């Protein structure tokens, strides 16, 4: 990296922090209404990238309840933010009638399938019988008959 910087006259480093990028995505803000809003370092602010209010699921929640006891109020959210619509459970939904798989194939394919089912046995093939389906298949008898 030092060689590149000296040649290009730049100050490129291999170290990078993403603090500004992460902060840009924290768009949901909550502020405590207790006495912790005047204390450093957070001043009662909780910033998150998802719309999840502070609760007992947070590791610091019990300590906050003991020391402050305040509740959090949402003070900022993204512009044009709307909550996701909760889908109603439709238990009375009618089951759809499924169609038979053979309806997806034309009649021509059914005839070919019938021809394949009526093929001769392996013994007939080894005796040199020719089969006719879509193509002519010639079977050569390779058994040694003396």
C-alpha atoms as a PDB file:
ATOM      1  CA  UNK A   1       0.000   0.000   0.000  1.00  0.00           C
ATOM      2  CA  UNK A   2       2.889   2.348   0.761  1.00  0.00           C
ATOM      3  CA  UNK A   3       4.302   1.798  -2.744  1.00  0.00           C
ATOM      4  CA  UNK A   4       0.947   2.634  -4.359  1.00  0.00           C
ATOM      5  CA  UNK A   5       0.558   5.746  -2.203  1.00  0.00           C
ATOM      6  CA  UNK A   6       4.059   6.987  -3.083  1.00  0.00           C
ATOM      7  CA  UNK A   7       3.599   6.394  -6.825  1.00  0.00           C
ATOM      8  CA  UNK A   8       0.076   7.845  -7.043  1.00  0.00           C
ATOM      9  CA  UNK A   9       0.655  10.521  -4.393  1.00  0.00           C
ATOM     10  CA  UNK A  10      -2.397   9.377  -2.404  1.00  0.00           C
ATOM     11  CA  UNK A  11      -3.169   8.461   1.202  1.00  0.00           C
ATOM     12  CA  UNK A  12      -5.020   5.185   0.766  1.00  0.00           C
ATOM     13  CA  UNK A  13      -5.164   2.929   3.824  1.00  0.00           C
ATOM     14  CA  UNK A  14      -6.178  -0.686   4.243  1.00  0.00           C
ATOM     15  CA  UNK A  15      -8.270   0.214   7.283  1.00  0.00           C
ATOM     16  CA  UNK A  16     -11.832   1.414   6.982  1.00  0.00           C
ATOM     17  CA  UNK A  17     -14.628   2.003   9.447  1.00  0.00           C
ATOM     18  CA  UNK A  18     -18.271   1.847   8.541  1.00  0.00           C
ATOM     19  CA  UNK A  19     -19.602   3.978  11.370  1.00  0.00           C
ATOM     20  CA  UNK A  20     -20.989   6.715   9.107  1.00  0.00           C
ATOM     21  CA  UNK A  21     -22.566   4.204   6.733  1.00  0.00           C
ATOM     22  CA  UNK A  22     -24.227   2.320   9.578  1.00  0.00           C
ATOM     23  CA  UNK A  23     -25.455   5.550  11.157  1.00  0.00           C
ATOM     24  CA  UNK A  24     -27.090   6.539   7.852  1.00  0.00           C
ATOM     25  CA  UNK A  25     -29.296   3.435   7.982  1.00  0.00           C
ATOM     26  CA  UNK A  26     -30.477   3.967  11.558  1.00  0.00           C
ATOM     27  CA  UNK A  27     -33.706   5.730  10.688  1.00  0.00           C
ATOM     28  CA  UNK A  28     -35.981   4.696  13.587  1.00  0.00           C
ATOM     29  CA  UNK A  29     -35.307   6.737  16.750  1.00  0.00           C
ATOM     30  CA  UNK A  30     -36.735   6.402  20.262  1.00  0.00           C
ATOM     31  CA  UNK A  31     -36.158   8.778  23.206  1.00  0.00           C
ATOM     32  CA  UNK A  32     -36.609   7.912  26.863  1.00  0.00           C
ATOM     33  CA  UNK A  33     -38.919  10.188  28.855  1.00  0.00           C
ATOM     34  CA  UNK A  34     -37.057   9.487  32.117  1.00  0.00           C
ATOM     35  CA  UNK A  35     -33.993  11.070  33.684  1.00  0.00           C
ATOM     36  CA  UNK A  36     -31.541   9.232  31.385  1.00  0.00           C
ATOM     37  CA  UNK A  37     -32.274  11.690  28.573  1.00  0.00           C
ATOM     38  CA  UNK A  38     -29.887  14.145  30.278  1.00  0.00           C
ATOM     39  CA  UNK A  39     -27.073  11.612  30.832  1.00  0.00           C
ATOM     40  CA  UNK A  40     -24.129  10.950  28.550  1.00  0.00           C
ATOM     41  CA  UNK A  41     -23.245   9.173  26.263  1.00  0.00           C
ATOM     42  CA  UNK A  42     -26.629   8.296  24.702  1.00  0.00           C
ATOM     43  CA  UNK A  43     -28.927  10.950  26.214  1.00  0.00           C
ATOM     44  CA  UNK A  44     -31.776   8.435  26.279  1.00  0.00           C
ATOM     45  CA  UNK A  45     -31.679   7.917  22.493  1.00  0.00           C
ATOM     46  CA  UNK A  46     -32.001   4.540  20.800  1.00  0.00           C
ATOM     47  CA  UNK A  47     -31.428   4.471  17.031  1.00  0.00           C
ATOM     48  CA  UNK A  48     -32.214   1.385  14.988  1.00  0.00           C
ATOM     49  CA  UNK A  49     -32.371   0.353  11.365  1.00  0.00           C
ATOM     50  CA  UNK A  50     -35.529  -1.702  11.979  1.00  0.00           C
ATOM     51  CA  UNK A  51     -38.800  -0.600  13.504  1.00  0.00           C
ATOM     52  CA  UNK A  52     -38.393  -2.458  16.799  1.00  0.00           C
ATOM     53  CA  UNK A  53     -38.901  -0.376  19.936  1.00  0.00           C
ATOM     54  CA  UNK A  54     -36.670  -0.940  22.963  1.00  0.00           C
ATOM     55  CA  UNK A  55     -38.024  -3.742  25.137  1.00  0.00           C
ATOM     56  CA  UNK A  56     -37.078  -6.500  27.547  1.00  0.00           C
ATOM     57  CA  UNK A  57     -35.525  -8.402  24.624  1.00  0.00           C
ATOM     58  CA  UNK A  58     -32.587  -5.966  24.746  1.00  0.00           C
ATOM     59  CA  UNK A  59     -29.649  -6.919  26.948  1.00  0.00           C
ATOM     60  CA  UNK A  60     -29.500  -3.483  28.608  1.00  0.00           C
ATOM     61  CA  UNK A  61     -33.248  -3.236  29.345  1.00  0.00           C
ATOM     62  CA  UNK A  62     -33.155  -4.507  32.942  1.00  0.00           C
ATOM     63  CA  UNK A  63     -30.394  -2.044  33.872  1.00  0.00           C
ATOM     64  CA  UNK A  64     -32.347   0.802  32.256  1.00  0.00           C
ATOM     65  CA  UNK A  65     -35.486  -0.100  34.190  1.00  0.00           C
ATOM     66  CA  UNK A  66     -33.551  -0.166  37.492  1.00  0.00           C
ATOM     67  CA  UNK A  67     -31.659   3.095  36.954  1.00  0.00           C
ATOM     68  CA  UNK A  68     -34.174   5.206  35.010  1.00  0.00           C
ATOM     69  CA  UNK A  69     -37.552   3.499  34.781  1.00  0.00           C
ATOM     70  CA  UNK A  70     -38.635   5.680  31.859  1.00  0.00           C
ATOM     71  CA  UNK A  71     -40.456   4.546  28.747  1.00  0.00           C
ATOM     72  CA  UNK A  72     -39.401   5.104  25.147  1.00  0.00           C
ATOM     73  CA  UNK A  73     -41.330   7.259  22.695  1.00  0.00           C
ATOM     74  CA  UNK A  74     -40.712   7.155  18.956  1.00  0.00           C
ATOM     75  CA  UNK A  75     -39.438  10.536  17.789  1.00  0.00           C
ATOM     76  CA  UNK A  76     -38.260   9.883  14.224  1.00  0.00           C
ATOM     77  CA  UNK A  77     -38.941   7.484  11.357  1.00  0.00           C
ATOM     78  CA  UNK A  78     -38.257   7.466   7.596  1.00  0.00           C
ATOM     79  CA  UNK A  79     -40.277   9.686   5.299  1.00  0.00           C
ATOM     80  CA  UNK A  80     -43.308   7.873   3.821  1.00  0.00           C
ATOM     81  CA  UNK A  81     -42.848   4.997   6.259  1.00  0.00           C
ATOM     82  CA  UNK A  82     -45.917   2.809   6.554  1.00  0.00           C
ATOM     83  CA  UNK A  83     -46.303  -0.251   8.693  1.00  0.00           C
ATOM     84  CA  UNK A  84     -46.567  -3.519   6.833  1.00  0.00           C
ATOM     85  CA  UNK A  85     -50.101  -4.671   6.325  1.00  0.00           C
ATOM     86  CA  UNK A  86     -50.933  -7.668   8.457  1.00  0.00           C
ATOM     87  CA  UNK A  87     -52.525 -10.329   6.346  1.00  0.00           C
ATOM     88  CA  UNK A  88     -55.719 -11.776   7.685  1.00  0.00           C
ATOM     89  CA  UNK A  89     -55.638 -15.497   8.234  1.00  0.00           C
ATOM     90  CA  UNK A  90     -58.073 -16.975   5.754  1.00  0.00           C
ATOM     91  CA  UNK A  91     -59.047 -20.277   7.323  1.00  0.00           C
ATOM     92  CA  UNK A  92     -62.193 -20.545   5.194  1.00  0.00           C
ATOM     93  CA  UNK A  93     -60.196 -20.606   1.983  1.00  0.00           C
ATOM     94  CA  UNK A  94     -61.564 -23.077  -0.540  1.00  0.00           C
ATOM     95  CA  UNK A  95     -59.081 -25.671  -1.760  1.00  0.00           C
ATOM     96  CA  UNK A  96     -58.267 -25.308  -5.424  1.00  0.00           C
ATOM     97  CA  UNK A  97     -59.135 -28.162  -7.712  1.00  0.00           C
ATOM     98  CA  UNK A  98     -55.915 -29.589  -9.064  1.00  0.00           C
ATOM     99  CA  UNK A  99     -55.882 -30.802 -12.621  1.00  0.00           C
ATOM    100  CA  UNK A 100     -54.544 -34.127 -13.839  1.00  0.00           C
ATOM    101  CA  UNK A 101     -50.978 -34.024 -15.130  1.00  0.00           C
ATOM    102  CA  UNK A 102     -51.993 -35.765 -18.357  1.00  0.00           C
ATOM    103  CA  UNK A 103     -53.999 -32.691 -19.350  1.00  0.00           C
ATOM    104  CA  UNK A 104     -50.735 -30.848 -19.966  1.00  0.00           C
ATOM    105  CA  UNK A 105     -49.599 -33.270 -22.685  1.00  0.00           C
ATOM    106  CA  UNK A 106     -51.122 -33.483 -26.168  1.00  0.00           C
ATOM    107  CA  UNK A 107     -52.744 -36.741 -27.396  1.00  0.00           C
ATOM    108  CA  UNK A 108     -49.757 -37.491 -29.631  1.00  0.00           C
ATOM    109  CA  UNK A 109     -47.605 -38.056 -26.568  1.00  0.00           C
ATOM    110  CA  UNK A 110     -50.140 -40.506 -25.127  1.00  0.00           C
ATOM    111  CA  UNK A 111     -49.857 -42.668 -28.276  1.00  0.00           C
ATOM    112  CA  UNK A 112     -46.067 -42.730 -27.986  1.00  0.00           C
ATOM    113  CA  UNK A 113     -46.351 -43.755 -24.348  1.00  0.00           C
ATOM    114  CA  UNK A 114     -48.670 -46.641 -25.304  1.00  0.00           C
ATOM    115  CA  UNK A 115     -46.167 -47.823 -27.925  1.00  0.00           C
ATOM    116  CA  UNK A 116     -43.381 -47.788 -25.375  1.00  0.00           C
ATOM    117  CA  UNK A 117     -45.435 -49.862 -22.950  1.00  0.00           C
ATOM    118  CA  UNK A 118     -46.134 -52.522 -25.599  1.00  0.00           C
ATOM    119  CA  UNK A 119     -42.463 -53.113 -26.417  1.00  0.00           C
ATOM    120  CA  UNK A 120     -41.239 -56.697 -26.712  1.00  0.00           C
ATOM    121  CA  UNK A 121     -39.397 -58.424 -23.898  1.00  0.00           C
ATOM    122  CA  UNK A 122     -35.625 -58.650 -23.603  1.00  0.00           C
ATOM    123  CA  UNK A 123     -35.712 -62.225 -24.913  1.00  0.00           C
ATOM    124  CA  UNK A 124     -37.390 -61.053 -28.142  1.00  0.00           C
ATOM    125  CA  UNK A 125     -34.777 -58.318 -28.599  1.00  0.00           C
ATOM    126  CA  UNK A 126     -31.852 -60.712 -28.205  1.00  0.00           C
ATOM    127  CA  UNK A 127     -33.292 -62.950 -30.928  1.00  0.00           C
ATOM    128  CA  UNK A 128     -32.970 -60.129 -33.458  1.00  0.00           C
ATOM    129  CA  UNK A 129     -36.458 -58.655 -33.706  1.00  0.00           C
ATOM    130  CA  UNK A 130     -36.707 -55.106 -35.073  1.00  0.00           C
ATOM    131  CA  UNK A 131     -38.854 -52.587 -33.231  1.00  0.00           C
ATOM    132  CA  UNK A 132     -40.750 -49.739 -34.747  1.00  0.00           C
ATOM    133  CA  UNK A 133     -41.767 -46.668 -32.751  1.00  0.00           C
ATOM    134  CA  UNK A 134     -40.920 -43.180 -33.951  1.00  0.00           C
ATOM    135  CA  UNK A 135     -37.671 -44.525 -35.411  1.00  0.00           C
ATOM    136  CA  UNK A 136     -36.571 -47.820 -36.736  1.00  0.00           C
ATOM    137  CA  UNK A 137     -34.398 -49.705 -34.276  1.00  0.00           C
ATOM    138  CA  UNK A 138     -32.376 -52.590 -35.608  1.00  0.00           C
ATOM    139  CA  UNK A 139     -31.126 -55.080 -33.066  1.00  0.00           C
ATOM    140  CA  UNK A 140     -28.233 -57.304 -34.017  1.00  0.00           C
ATOM    141  CA  UNK A 141     -27.989 -60.678 -32.351  1.00  0.00           C
ATOM    142  CA  UNK A 142     -24.506 -61.008 -30.872  1.00  0.00           C
ATOM    143  CA  UNK A 143     -25.043 -64.304 -29.125  1.00  0.00           C
ATOM    144  CA  UNK A 144     -22.759 -67.074 -30.273  1.00  0.00           C
ATOM    145  CA  UNK A 145     -24.922 -69.801 -31.837  1.00  0.00           C
ATOM    146  CA  UNK A 146     -22.081 -71.879 -33.055  1.00  0.00           C
END
